[in-house]
Every structure is written in structure tokens, then in C-alpha cells.
């Protein structure tokens, strides 16, 4: 089995997904197991008074309503994949925290079960 690595993945849909990736193969099918996949959208606003453009990055979970942090993506759905460098991994880890906080899915904890 190959080792996990952090990557940016360009999907055939045009989405760019950041995740921890584990390549896998089963029954002659190649796929990636993505752990904590996120997407980062750019928000661009123009400040008319100052005459400048302000850009911000907004991270969110790739699958907004998924209750599981892992998903499978078949290699046939991937255009390109590239390992993140140290800066990219650091950005991913910080963006993942923000994406989790903004997720609409909240898990309820029952006190009698826990």
C-alpha cells in the first residue's frame, strides 16, 4: 500500500480539491481515498472609495452535508493531482479548521450514550 500525502486534485468537473490522499486499488479499479477534502473559493470585492480590489479565500468542506470525513474518488474522475509543498500543507491544515467550523452539519451528542 502506498503512503498518504497531501495533494491538490483537479477534478473533471473543474473543481480543485485539497485533501490528504491515499492511493488505492481494488478489483482492478484505481481510486483515491480522500480524507477531509476541502475546496477554497476566492471572494473578490472592489472598494470603490479606495480604488482597490480586495481578495479573500473562503474554505469549505467539499461535500458539505457528508457526515463522514472520507470519500472515494476514482482516478478516471481526476484530471491532475499534485503533492502539496510545506506551505501548501500548512495552508490546508489552517483552512481545514475554518471549513469544519463553517460546516452546516453539526453532530449531536447524547449524554446517555457518551
PDB file of N, CA and C in Angstrom:
ATOM      1  N   UNK A   1       0.836  -1.174   0.000  1.00  0.00           N
ATOM      2  CA  UNK A   1       0.000   0.000   0.000  1.00  0.00           C
ATOM      3  C   UNK A   1       0.888   1.247   0.000  1.00  0.00           C
ATOM      4  N   UNK A   2       0.470   2.247  -0.744  1.00  0.00           N
ATOM      5  CA  UNK A   2       1.222   3.486  -0.826  1.00  0.00           C
ATOM      6  C   UNK A   2       0.926   4.368   0.379  1.00  0.00           C
ATOM      7  N   UNK A   3       1.812   5.321   0.635  1.00  0.00           N
ATOM      8  CA  UNK A   3       1.663   6.214   1.779  1.00  0.00           C
ATOM      9  C   UNK A   3       0.711   7.366   1.482  1.00  0.00           C
ATOM     10  N   UNK A   4       0.128   7.908   2.560  1.00  0.00           N
ATOM     11  CA  UNK A   4      -0.728   9.093   2.453  1.00  0.00           C
ATOM     12  C   UNK A   4       0.123  10.312   2.119  1.00  0.00           C
ATOM     13  N   UNK A   5      -0.475  11.272   1.429  1.00  0.00           N
ATOM     14  CA  UNK A   5       0.181  12.542   1.163  1.00  0.00           C
ATOM     15  C   UNK A   5      -0.886  13.610   0.991  1.00  0.00           C
ATOM     16  N   UNK A   6      -0.507  14.862   1.197  1.00  0.00           N
ATOM     17  CA  UNK A   6      -1.415  15.988   0.988  1.00  0.00           C
ATOM     18  C   UNK A   6      -1.314  16.414  -0.471  1.00  0.00           C
ATOM     19  N   UNK A   7      -2.476  16.680  -1.082  1.00  0.00           N
ATOM     20  CA  UNK A   7      -2.460  16.995  -2.510  1.00  0.00           C
ATOM     21  C   UNK A   7      -3.551  17.981  -2.882  1.00  0.00           C
ATOM     22  N   UNK A   8      -3.344  18.597  -4.030  1.00  0.00           N
ATOM     23  CA  UNK A   8      -4.386  19.353  -4.698  1.00  0.00           C
ATOM     24  C   UNK A   8      -4.801  18.513  -5.905  1.00  0.00           C
ATOM     25  N   UNK A   9      -6.093  18.356  -6.075  1.00  0.00           N
ATOM     26  CA  UNK A   9      -6.625  17.467  -7.110  1.00  0.00           C
ATOM     27  C   UNK A   9      -7.550  18.269  -8.011  1.00  0.00           C
ATOM     28  N   UNK A  10      -7.283  18.258  -9.298  1.00  0.00           N
ATOM     29  CA  UNK A  10      -8.158  18.915 -10.275  1.00  0.00           C
ATOM     30  C   UNK A  10      -9.112  17.855 -10.805  1.00  0.00           C
ATOM     31  N   UNK A  11     -10.405  18.053 -10.548  1.00  0.00           N
ATOM     32  CA  UNK A  11     -11.420  17.084 -10.956  1.00  0.00           C
ATOM     33  C   UNK A  11     -11.905  17.382 -12.383  1.00  0.00           C
ATOM     34  N   UNK A  12     -12.526  16.406 -13.026  1.00  0.00           N
ATOM     35  CA  UNK A  12     -13.048  16.618 -14.377  1.00  0.00           C
ATOM     36  C   UNK A  12     -14.182  17.644 -14.383  1.00  0.00           C
ATOM     37  N   UNK A  13     -14.753  17.927 -13.205  1.00  0.00           N
ATOM     38  CA  UNK A  13     -15.812  18.931 -13.081  1.00  0.00           C
ATOM     39  C   UNK A  13     -15.246  20.350 -13.044  1.00  0.00           C
ATOM     40  N   UNK A  14     -13.909  20.463 -12.903  1.00  0.00           N
ATOM     41  CA  UNK A  14     -13.272  21.763 -12.814  1.00  0.00           C
ATOM     42  C   UNK A  14     -12.947  22.160 -11.382  1.00  0.00           C
ATOM     43  N   UNK A  15     -13.476  21.429 -10.409  1.00  0.00           N
ATOM     44  CA  UNK A  15     -13.203  21.740  -9.013  1.00  0.00           C
ATOM     45  C   UNK A  15     -11.751  21.422  -8.667  1.00  0.00           C
ATOM     46  N   UNK A  16     -11.181  22.219  -7.779  1.00  0.00           N
ATOM     47  CA  UNK A  16      -9.863  21.937  -7.235  1.00  0.00           C
ATOM     48  C   UNK A  16     -10.063  21.583  -5.765  1.00  0.00           C
ATOM     49  N   UNK A  17      -9.680  20.375  -5.403  1.00  0.00           N
ATOM     50  CA  UNK A  17      -9.913  19.847  -4.066  1.00  0.00           C
ATOM     51  C   UNK A  17      -8.576  19.660  -3.360  1.00  0.00           C
ATOM     52  N   UNK A  18      -8.509  20.115  -2.115  1.00  0.00           N
ATOM     53  CA  UNK A  18      -7.339  19.877  -1.278  1.00  0.00           C
ATOM     54  C   UNK A  18      -7.709  18.788  -0.279  1.00  0.00           C
ATOM     55  N   UNK A  19      -6.809  17.819  -0.084  1.00  0.00           N
ATOM     56  CA  UNK A  19      -7.116  16.721   0.831  1.00  0.00           C
ATOM     57  C   UNK A  19      -5.858  15.940   1.174  1.00  0.00           C
ATOM     58  N   UNK A  20      -6.010  15.105   2.194  1.00  0.00           N
ATOM     59  CA  UNK A  20      -4.996  14.091   2.454  1.00  0.00           C
ATOM     60  C   UNK A  20      -5.429  12.894   1.612  1.00  0.00           C
ATOM     61  N   UNK A  21      -4.496  12.360   0.837  1.00  0.00           N
ATOM     62  CA  UNK A  21      -4.828  11.358  -0.177  1.00  0.00           C
ATOM     63  C   UNK A  21      -4.109  10.046   0.085  1.00  0.00           C
ATOM     64  N   UNK A  22      -4.848   8.940  -0.117  1.00  0.00           N
ATOM     65  CA  UNK A  22      -4.240   7.627  -0.073  1.00  0.00           C
ATOM     66  C   UNK A  22      -4.625   6.904  -1.373  1.00  0.00           C
ATOM     67  N   UNK A  23      -3.654   6.662  -2.256  1.00  0.00           N
ATOM     68  CA  UNK A  23      -3.950   5.910  -3.483  1.00  0.00           C
ATOM     69  C   UNK A  23      -4.295   4.459  -3.128  1.00  0.00           C
ATOM     70  N   UNK A  24      -5.222   3.879  -3.878  1.00  0.00           N
ATOM     71  CA  UNK A  24      -5.621   2.500  -3.607  1.00  0.00           C
ATOM     72  C   UNK A  24      -6.079   1.835  -4.903  1.00  0.00           C
ATOM     73  N   UNK A  25      -6.134   0.525  -4.850  1.00  0.00           N
ATOM     74  CA  UNK A  25      -6.605  -0.252  -5.993  1.00  0.00           C
ATOM     75  C   UNK A  25      -7.310  -1.494  -5.464  1.00  0.00           C
ATOM     76  N   UNK A  26      -8.448  -1.812  -6.071  1.00  0.00           N
ATOM     77  CA  UNK A  26      -9.205  -2.982  -5.663  1.00  0.00           C
ATOM     78  C   UNK A  26     -10.000  -3.475  -6.864  1.00  0.00           C
ATOM     79  N   UNK A  27      -9.956  -4.756  -7.113  1.00  0.00           N
ATOM     80  CA  UNK A  27     -10.675  -5.358  -8.246  1.00  0.00           C
ATOM     81  C   UNK A  27     -10.358  -4.644  -9.559  1.00  0.00           C
ATOM     82  N   UNK A  28      -9.074  -4.371  -9.788  1.00  0.00           N
ATOM     83  CA  UNK A  28      -8.600  -3.703 -10.999  1.00  0.00           C
ATOM     84  C   UNK A  28      -9.153  -2.288 -11.182  1.00  0.00           C
ATOM     85  N   UNK A  29      -9.637  -1.676 -10.119  1.00  0.00           N
ATOM     86  CA  UNK A  29     -10.113  -0.293 -10.155  1.00  0.00           C
ATOM     87  C   UNK A  29      -9.152   0.553  -9.327  1.00  0.00           C
ATOM     88  N   UNK A  30      -8.634   1.627  -9.927  1.00  0.00           N
ATOM     89  CA  UNK A  30      -7.748   2.547  -9.222  1.00  0.00           C
ATOM     90  C   UNK A  30      -8.564   3.726  -8.704  1.00  0.00           C
ATOM     91  N   UNK A  31      -8.308   4.085  -7.458  1.00  0.00           N
ATOM     92  CA  UNK A  31      -9.039   5.198  -6.862  1.00  0.00           C
ATOM     93  C   UNK A  31      -8.192   5.850  -5.778  1.00  0.00           C
ATOM     94  N   UNK A  32      -8.676   6.997  -5.313  1.00  0.00           N
ATOM     95  CA  UNK A  32      -8.040   7.709  -4.215  1.00  0.00           C
ATOM     96  C   UNK A  32      -9.014   7.761  -3.053  1.00  0.00           C
ATOM     97  N   UNK A  33      -8.526   7.521  -1.874  1.00  0.00           N
ATOM     98  CA  UNK A  33      -9.320   7.732  -0.673  1.00  0.00           C
ATOM     99  C   UNK A  33      -8.923   9.103  -0.149  1.00  0.00           C
ATOM    100  N   UNK A  34      -9.880  10.035  -0.145  1.00  0.00           N
ATOM    101  CA  UNK A  34      -9.629  11.397   0.306  1.00  0.00           C
ATOM    102  C   UNK A  34     -10.093  11.553   1.742  1.00  0.00           C
ATOM    103  N   UNK A  35      -9.214  12.078   2.556  1.00  0.00           N
ATOM    104  CA  UNK A  35      -9.553  12.358   3.948  1.00  0.00           C
ATOM    105  C   UNK A  35      -9.666  13.867   4.113  1.00  0.00           C
ATOM    106  N   UNK A  36     -10.778  14.316   4.673  1.00  0.00           N
ATOM    107  CA  UNK A  36     -11.044  15.735   4.916  1.00  0.00           C
ATOM    108  C   UNK A  36     -10.865  16.614   3.668  1.00  0.00           C
ATOM    109  N   UNK A  37     -11.553  16.289   2.571  1.00  0.00           N
ATOM    110  CA  UNK A  37     -11.424  17.114   1.372  1.00  0.00           C
ATOM    111  C   UNK A  37     -12.107  18.472   1.548  1.00  0.00           C
ATOM    112  N   UNK A  38     -11.428  19.521   1.088  1.00  0.00           N
ATOM    113  CA  UNK A  38     -11.993  20.874   1.129  1.00  0.00           C
ATOM    114  C   UNK A  38     -11.794  21.554  -0.222  1.00  0.00           C
ATOM    115  N   UNK A  39     -12.591  22.569  -0.454  1.00  0.00           N
ATOM    116  CA  UNK A  39     -12.403  23.453  -1.601  1.00  0.00           C
ATOM    117  C   UNK A  39     -12.230  24.857  -1.054  1.00  0.00           C
ATOM    118  N   UNK A  40     -11.521  25.685  -1.793  1.00  0.00           N
ATOM    119  CA  UNK A  40     -11.291  27.056  -1.359  1.00  0.00           C
ATOM    120  C   UNK A  40     -11.786  27.976  -2.470  1.00  0.00           C
ATOM    121  N   UNK A  41     -12.769  28.788  -2.143  1.00  0.00           N
ATOM    122  CA  UNK A  41     -13.304  29.749  -3.104  1.00  0.00           C
ATOM    123  C   UNK A  41     -12.688  31.111  -2.854  1.00  0.00           C
ATOM    124  N   UNK A  42     -12.524  31.866  -3.921  1.00  0.00           N
ATOM    125  CA  UNK A  42     -11.982  33.211  -3.794  1.00  0.00           C
ATOM    126  C   UNK A  42     -13.127  34.215  -3.861  1.00  0.00           C
ATOM    127  N   UNK A  43     -13.120  35.149  -2.924  1.00  0.00           N
ATOM    128  CA  UNK A  43     -14.117  36.209  -2.898  1.00  0.00           C
ATOM    129  C   UNK A  43     -13.414  37.515  -3.244  1.00  0.00           C
ATOM    130  N   UNK A  44     -13.813  38.132  -4.329  1.00  0.00           N
ATOM    131  CA  UNK A  44     -13.185  39.368  -4.794  1.00  0.00           C
ATOM    132  C   UNK A  44     -14.195  40.507  -4.692  1.00  0.00           C
ATOM    133  N   UNK A  45     -13.820  41.562  -3.972  1.00  0.00           N
ATOM    134  CA  UNK A  45     -14.672  42.743  -3.867  1.00  0.00           C
ATOM    135  C   UNK A  45     -13.860  43.972  -4.269  1.00  0.00           C
ATOM    136  N   UNK A  46     -14.544  44.946  -4.796  1.00  0.00           N
ATOM    137  CA  UNK A  46     -13.905  46.190  -5.223  1.00  0.00           C
ATOM    138  C   UNK A  46     -14.317  47.292  -4.241  1.00  0.00           C
ATOM    139  N   UNK A  47     -13.336  47.943  -3.647  1.00  0.00           N
ATOM    140  CA  UNK A  47     -13.583  49.091  -2.785  1.00  0.00           C
ATOM    141  C   UNK A  47     -13.539  50.330  -3.679  1.00  0.00           C
ATOM    142  N   UNK A  48     -14.715  50.850  -3.998  1.00  0.00           N
ATOM    143  CA  UNK A  48     -14.818  51.981  -4.923  1.00  0.00           C
ATOM    144  C   UNK A  48     -14.144  53.234  -4.378  1.00  0.00           C
ATOM    145  N   UNK A  49     -14.263  53.448  -3.062  1.00  0.00           N
ATOM    146  CA  UNK A  49     -13.690  54.654  -2.456  1.00  0.00           C
ATOM    147  C   UNK A  49     -12.171  54.650  -2.531  1.00  0.00           C
ATOM    148  N   UNK A  50     -11.561  53.503  -2.235  1.00  0.00           N
ATOM    149  CA  UNK A  50     -10.100  53.412  -2.233  1.00  0.00           C
ATOM    150  C   UNK A  50      -9.546  53.040  -3.604  1.00  0.00           C
ATOM    151  N   UNK A  51     -10.416  52.543  -4.476  1.00  0.00           N
ATOM    152  CA  UNK A  51      -9.984  52.153  -5.809  1.00  0.00           C
ATOM    153  C   UNK A  51      -9.100  50.914  -5.817  1.00  0.00           C
ATOM    154  N   UNK A  52      -9.396  49.962  -4.922  1.00  0.00           N
ATOM    155  CA  UNK A  52      -8.606  48.729  -4.851  1.00  0.00           C
ATOM    156  C   UNK A  52      -9.516  47.511  -4.850  1.00  0.00           C
ATOM    157  N   UNK A  53      -8.951  46.410  -5.286  1.00  0.00           N
ATOM    158  CA  UNK A  53      -9.649  45.128  -5.219  1.00  0.00           C
ATOM    159  C   UNK A  53      -9.154  44.375  -3.986  1.00  0.00           C
ATOM    160  N   UNK A  54     -10.091  43.799  -3.247  1.00  0.00           N
ATOM    161  CA  UNK A  54      -9.754  43.035  -2.049  1.00  0.00           C
ATOM    162  C   UNK A  54     -10.154  41.585  -2.297  1.00  0.00           C
ATOM    163  N   UNK A  55      -9.193  40.701  -2.111  1.00  0.00           N
ATOM    164  CA  UNK A  55      -9.421  39.287  -2.362  1.00  0.00           C
ATOM    165  C   UNK A  55      -9.329  38.513  -1.053  1.00  0.00           C
ATOM    166  N   UNK A  56     -10.236  37.563  -0.866  1.00  0.00           N
ATOM    167  CA  UNK A  56     -10.214  36.719   0.321  1.00  0.00           C
ATOM    168  C   UNK A  56     -10.478  35.282  -0.054  1.00  0.00           C
ATOM    169  N   UNK A  57      -9.931  34.359   0.706  1.00  0.00           N
ATOM    170  CA  UNK A  57     -10.125  32.935   0.460  1.00  0.00           C
ATOM    171  C   UNK A  57     -11.113  32.366   1.466  1.00  0.00           C
ATOM    172  N   UNK A  58     -12.089  31.592   0.966  1.00  0.00           N
ATOM    173  CA  UNK A  58     -13.127  31.033   1.814  1.00  0.00           C
ATOM    174  C   UNK A  58     -13.097  29.505   1.693  1.00  0.00           C
ATOM    175  N   UNK A  59     -12.558  28.810   2.711  1.00  0.00           N
ATOM    176  CA  UNK A  59     -12.526  27.348   2.664  1.00  0.00           C
ATOM    177  C   UNK A  59     -13.856  26.754   3.120  1.00  0.00           C
ATOM    178  N   UNK A  60     -14.242  25.631   2.505  1.00  0.00           N
ATOM    179  CA  UNK A  60     -15.423  24.899   2.949  1.00  0.00           C
ATOM    180  C   UNK A  60     -15.244  23.425   2.635  1.00  0.00           C
ATOM    181  N   UNK A  61     -15.988  22.601   3.350  1.00  0.00           N
ATOM    182  CA  UNK A  61     -15.924  21.166   3.104  1.00  0.00           C
ATOM    183  C   UNK A  61     -16.347  20.901   1.664  1.00  0.00           C
ATOM    184  N   UNK A  62     -15.689  19.959   1.001  1.00  0.00           N
ATOM    185  CA  UNK A  62     -16.026  19.664  -0.389  1.00  0.00           C
ATOM    186  C   UNK A  62     -17.435  19.100  -0.479  1.00  0.00           C
ATOM    187  N   UNK A  63     -17.743  18.157   0.387  1.00  0.00           N
ATOM    188  CA  UNK A  63     -19.082  17.571   0.432  1.00  0.00           C
ATOM    189  C   UNK A  63     -19.753  18.116   1.691  1.00  0.00           C
ATOM    190  N   UNK A  64     -20.469  19.197   1.514  1.00  0.00           N
ATOM    191  CA  UNK A  64     -20.985  19.992   2.618  1.00  0.00           C
ATOM    192  C   UNK A  64     -21.801  19.205   3.634  1.00  0.00           C
ATOM    193  N   UNK A  65     -22.631  18.291   3.197  1.00  0.00           N
ATOM    194  CA  UNK A  65     -23.545  17.615   4.113  1.00  0.00           C
ATOM    195  C   UNK A  65     -23.121  16.188   4.454  1.00  0.00           C
ATOM    196  N   UNK A  66     -21.916  15.811   4.079  1.00  0.00           N
ATOM    197  CA  UNK A  66     -21.431  14.465   4.397  1.00  0.00           C
ATOM    198  C   UNK A  66     -21.125  14.359   5.891  1.00  0.00           C
ATOM    199  N   UNK A  67     -21.491  13.235   6.476  1.00  0.00           N
ATOM    200  CA  UNK A  67     -21.213  13.040   7.895  1.00  0.00           C
ATOM    201  C   UNK A  67     -19.878  12.330   8.098  1.00  0.00           C
ATOM    202  N   UNK A  68     -19.318  11.808   7.018  1.00  0.00           N
ATOM    203  CA  UNK A  68     -18.038  11.104   7.085  1.00  0.00           C
ATOM    204  C   UNK A  68     -16.951  12.006   6.516  1.00  0.00           C
ATOM    205  N   UNK A  69     -15.768  11.930   7.082  1.00  0.00           N
ATOM    206  CA  UNK A  69     -14.659  12.771   6.622  1.00  0.00           C
ATOM    207  C   UNK A  69     -13.858  12.126   5.497  1.00  0.00           C
ATOM    208  N   UNK A  70     -14.281  10.955   5.047  1.00  0.00           N
ATOM    209  CA  UNK A  70     -13.549  10.265   3.971  1.00  0.00           C
ATOM    210  C   UNK A  70     -14.484  10.030   2.790  1.00  0.00           C
ATOM    211  N   UNK A  71     -13.885  10.088   1.592  1.00  0.00           N
ATOM    212  CA  UNK A  71     -14.653   9.805   0.387  1.00  0.00           C
ATOM    213  C   UNK A  71     -13.736   9.144  -0.639  1.00  0.00           C
ATOM    214  N   UNK A  72     -14.330   8.434  -1.567  1.00  0.00           N
ATOM    215  CA  UNK A  72     -13.570   7.752  -2.619  1.00  0.00           C
ATOM    216  C   UNK A  72     -13.778   8.486  -3.935  1.00  0.00           C
ATOM    217  N   UNK A  73     -12.672   8.715  -4.643  1.00  0.00           N
ATOM    218  CA  UNK A  73     -12.717   9.340  -5.966  1.00  0.00           C
ATOM    219  C   UNK A  73     -11.967   8.420  -6.927  1.00  0.00           C
ATOM    220  N   UNK A  74     -12.640   8.002  -7.985  1.00  0.00           N
ATOM    221  CA  UNK A  74     -11.998   7.147  -8.981  1.00  0.00           C
ATOM    222  C   UNK A  74     -11.018   7.962  -9.825  1.00  0.00           C
ATOM    223  N   UNK A  75      -9.913   7.351 -10.174  1.00  0.00           N
ATOM    224  CA  UNK A  75      -8.875   8.043 -10.953  1.00  0.00           C
ATOM    225  C   UNK A  75      -9.407   8.584 -12.272  1.00  0.00           C
ATOM    226  N   UNK A  76     -10.416   7.935 -12.823  1.00  0.00           N
ATOM    227  CA  UNK A  76     -10.986   8.405 -14.090  1.00  0.00           C
ATOM    228  C   UNK A  76     -11.670   9.765 -13.949  1.00  0.00           C
ATOM    229  N   UNK A  77     -11.943  10.198 -12.714  1.00  0.00           N
ATOM    230  CA  UNK A  77     -12.575  11.498 -12.468  1.00  0.00           C
ATOM    231  C   UNK A  77     -11.566  12.591 -12.142  1.00  0.00           C
ATOM    232  N   UNK A  78     -10.283  12.235 -12.190  1.00  0.00           N
ATOM    233  CA  UNK A  78      -9.219  13.176 -11.848  1.00  0.00           C
ATOM    234  C   UNK A  78      -8.463  13.571 -13.110  1.00  0.00           C
ATOM    235  N   UNK A  79      -8.325  14.893 -13.318  1.00  0.00           N
ATOM    236  CA  UNK A  79      -7.555  15.407 -14.441  1.00  0.00           C
ATOM    237  C   UNK A  79      -6.080  15.445 -14.067  1.00  0.00           C
ATOM    238  N   UNK A  80      -5.811  15.967 -12.856  1.00  0.00           N
ATOM    239  CA  UNK A  80      -4.435  16.126 -12.410  1.00  0.00           C
ATOM    240  C   UNK A  80      -4.383  16.076 -10.888  1.00  0.00           C
ATOM    241  N   UNK A  81      -3.241  15.614 -10.371  1.00  0.00           N
ATOM    242  CA  UNK A  81      -3.034  15.582  -8.931  1.00  0.00           C
ATOM    243  C   UNK A  81      -1.585  15.988  -8.665  1.00  0.00           C
ATOM    244  N   UNK A  82      -1.391  16.811  -7.652  1.00  0.00           N
ATOM    245  CA  UNK A  82      -0.056  17.286  -7.332  1.00  0.00           C
ATOM    246  C   UNK A  82       0.114  17.332  -5.817  1.00  0.00           C
ATOM    247  N   UNK A  83       1.246  16.846  -5.353  1.00  0.00           N
ATOM    248  CA  UNK A  83       1.520  16.863  -3.921  1.00  0.00           C
ATOM    249  C   UNK A  83       1.760  18.295  -3.461  1.00  0.00           C
ATOM    250  N   UNK A  84       1.218  18.629  -2.287  1.00  0.00           N
ATOM    251  CA  UNK A  84       1.409  19.962  -1.724  1.00  0.00           C
ATOM    252  C   UNK A  84       2.790  20.083  -1.098  1.00  0.00           C
ATOM    253  N   UNK A  85       3.373  21.265  -1.220  1.00  0.00           N
ATOM    254  CA  UNK A  85       4.643  21.525  -0.542  1.00  0.00           C
ATOM    255  C   UNK A  85       4.350  21.892   0.917  1.00  0.00           C
ATOM    256  N   UNK A  86       5.377  22.237   1.664  1.00  0.00           N
ATOM    257  CA  UNK A  86       5.227  22.532   3.093  1.00  0.00           C
ATOM    258  C   UNK A  86       4.264  23.703   3.328  1.00  0.00           C
ATOM    259  N   UNK A  87       4.380  24.748   2.499  1.00  0.00           N
ATOM    260  CA  UNK A  87       3.473  25.892   2.606  1.00  0.00           C
ATOM    261  C   UNK A  87       2.032  25.455   2.342  1.00  0.00           C
ATOM    262  N   UNK A  88       1.839  24.636   1.319  1.00  0.00           N
ATOM    263  CA  UNK A  88       0.502  24.158   0.963  1.00  0.00           C
ATOM    264  C   UNK A  88      -0.117  23.319   2.064  1.00  0.00           C
ATOM    265  N   UNK A  89       0.669  22.458   2.695  1.00  0.00           N
ATOM    266  CA  UNK A  89       0.174  21.616   3.795  1.00  0.00           C
ATOM    267  C   UNK A  89      -0.242  22.495   4.967  1.00  0.00           C
ATOM    268  N   UNK A  90       0.572  23.512   5.278  1.00  0.00           N
ATOM    269  CA  UNK A  90       0.249  24.429   6.369  1.00  0.00           C
ATOM    270  C   UNK A  90      -1.052  25.178   6.059  1.00  0.00           C
ATOM    271  N   UNK A  91      -1.194  25.669   4.827  1.00  0.00           N
ATOM    272  CA  UNK A  91      -2.426  26.354   4.421  1.00  0.00           C
ATOM    273  C   UNK A  91      -3.619  25.410   4.531  1.00  0.00           C
ATOM    274  N   UNK A  92      -3.471  24.182   4.050  1.00  0.00           N
ATOM    275  CA  UNK A  92      -4.551  23.199   4.103  1.00  0.00           C
ATOM    276  C   UNK A  92      -5.003  22.965   5.544  1.00  0.00           C
ATOM    277  N   UNK A  93      -4.053  22.757   6.454  1.00  0.00           N
ATOM    278  CA  UNK A  93      -4.405  22.488   7.851  1.00  0.00           C
ATOM    279  C   UNK A  93      -5.170  23.652   8.476  1.00  0.00           C
ATOM    280  N   UNK A  94      -4.769  24.887   8.184  1.00  0.00           N
ATOM    281  CA  UNK A  94      -5.480  26.056   8.714  1.00  0.00           C
ATOM    282  C   UNK A  94      -6.848  26.204   8.051  1.00  0.00           C
ATOM    283  N   UNK A  95      -6.916  25.982   6.745  1.00  0.00           N
ATOM    284  CA  UNK A  95      -8.184  26.090   6.023  1.00  0.00           C
ATOM    285  C   UNK A  95      -9.159  25.003   6.457  1.00  0.00           C
ATOM    286  N   UNK A  96      -8.646  23.816   6.796  1.00  0.00           N
ATOM    287  CA  UNK A  96      -9.495  22.718   7.248  1.00  0.00           C
ATOM    288  C   UNK A  96     -10.210  23.092   8.542  1.00  0.00           C
ATOM    289  N   UNK A  97      -9.518  23.750   9.460  1.00  0.00           N
ATOM    290  CA  UNK A  97     -10.139  24.194  10.712  1.00  0.00           C
ATOM    291  C   UNK A  97     -11.290  25.146  10.406  1.00  0.00           C
ATOM    292  N   UNK A  98     -11.050  26.117   9.535  1.00  0.00           N
ATOM    293  CA  UNK A  98     -12.090  27.088   9.167  1.00  0.00           C
ATOM    294  C   UNK A  98     -13.254  26.404   8.460  1.00  0.00           C
ATOM    295  N   UNK A  99     -12.972  25.429   7.600  1.00  0.00           N
ATOM    296  CA  UNK A  99     -14.030  24.713   6.871  1.00  0.00           C
ATOM    297  C   UNK A  99     -14.902  23.909   7.829  1.00  0.00           C
ATOM    298  N   UNK A 100     -14.285  23.279   8.806  1.00  0.00           N
ATOM    299  CA  UNK A 100     -15.057  22.498   9.780  1.00  0.00           C
ATOM    300  C   UNK A 100     -15.961  23.382  10.619  1.00  0.00           C
ATOM    301  N   UNK A 101     -15.462  24.543  11.004  1.00  0.00           N
ATOM    302  CA  UNK A 101     -16.247  25.463  11.831  1.00  0.00           C
ATOM    303  C   UNK A 101     -17.461  25.979  11.065  1.00  0.00           C
ATOM    304  N   UNK A 102     -17.296  26.208   9.768  1.00  0.00           N
ATOM    305  CA  UNK A 102     -18.387  26.775   8.974  1.00  0.00           C
ATOM    306  C   UNK A 102     -19.337  25.720   8.419  1.00  0.00           C
ATOM    307  N   UNK A 103     -19.078  24.446   8.672  1.00  0.00           N
ATOM    308  CA  UNK A 103     -19.913  23.375   8.149  1.00  0.00           C
ATOM    309  C   UNK A 103     -21.306  23.413   8.770  1.00  0.00           C
ATOM    310  N   UNK A 104     -22.361  23.268   7.946  1.00  0.00           N
ATOM    311  CA  UNK A 104     -23.718  23.289   8.493  1.00  0.00           C
ATOM    312  C   UNK A 104     -24.099  21.999   9.215  1.00  0.00           C
ATOM    313  N   UNK A 105     -23.332  20.951   9.036  1.00  0.00           N
ATOM    314  CA  UNK A 105     -23.645  19.678   9.669  1.00  0.00           C
ATOM    315  C   UNK A 105     -23.058  19.664  11.069  1.00  0.00           C
ATOM    316  N   UNK A 106     -23.919  19.562  12.052  1.00  0.00           N
ATOM    317  CA  UNK A 106     -23.486  19.506  13.442  1.00  0.00           C
ATOM    318  C   UNK A 106     -23.866  18.137  13.996  1.00  0.00           C
ATOM    319  N   UNK A 107     -22.946  17.548  14.725  1.00  0.00           N
ATOM    320  CA  UNK A 107     -23.221  16.238  15.304  1.00  0.00           C
ATOM    321  C   UNK A 107     -23.729  16.426  16.724  1.00  0.00           C
ATOM    322  N   UNK A 108     -24.819  15.769  17.038  1.00  0.00           N
ATOM    323  CA  UNK A 108     -25.413  15.871  18.359  1.00  0.00           C
ATOM    324  C   UNK A 108     -24.868  14.750  19.240  1.00  0.00           C
ATOM    325  N   UNK A 109     -24.524  15.084  20.435  1.00  0.00           N
ATOM    326  CA  UNK A 109     -24.014  14.096  21.369  1.00  0.00           C
ATOM    327  C   UNK A 109     -25.068  13.839  22.425  1.00  0.00           C
ATOM    328  N   UNK A 110     -25.458  12.583  22.511  1.00  0.00           N
ATOM    329  CA  UNK A 110     -26.439  12.177  23.527  1.00  0.00           C
ATOM    330  C   UNK A 110     -25.679  11.841  24.802  1.00  0.00           C
ATOM    331  N   UNK A 111     -26.011  12.507  25.898  1.00  0.00           N
ATOM    332  CA  UNK A 111     -25.270  12.300  27.151  1.00  0.00           C
ATOM    333  C   UNK A 111     -25.392  10.878  27.690  1.00  0.00           C
ATOM    334  N   UNK A 112     -26.521  10.225  27.466  1.00  0.00           N
ATOM    335  CA  UNK A 112     -26.668   8.856  27.976  1.00  0.00           C
ATOM    336  C   UNK A 112     -25.837   7.856  27.170  1.00  0.00           C
ATOM    337  N   UNK A 113     -25.492   8.202  25.918  1.00  0.00           N
ATOM    338  CA  UNK A 113     -24.672   7.313  25.083  1.00  0.00           C
ATOM    339  C   UNK A 113     -23.200   7.564  25.262  1.00  0.00           C
ATOM    340  N   UNK A 114     -22.806   8.713  25.767  1.00  0.00           N
ATOM    341  CA  UNK A 114     -21.404   9.093  25.862  1.00  0.00           C
ATOM    342  C   UNK A 114     -21.031   9.440  27.280  1.00  0.00           C
TER     343      UNK A 114
END
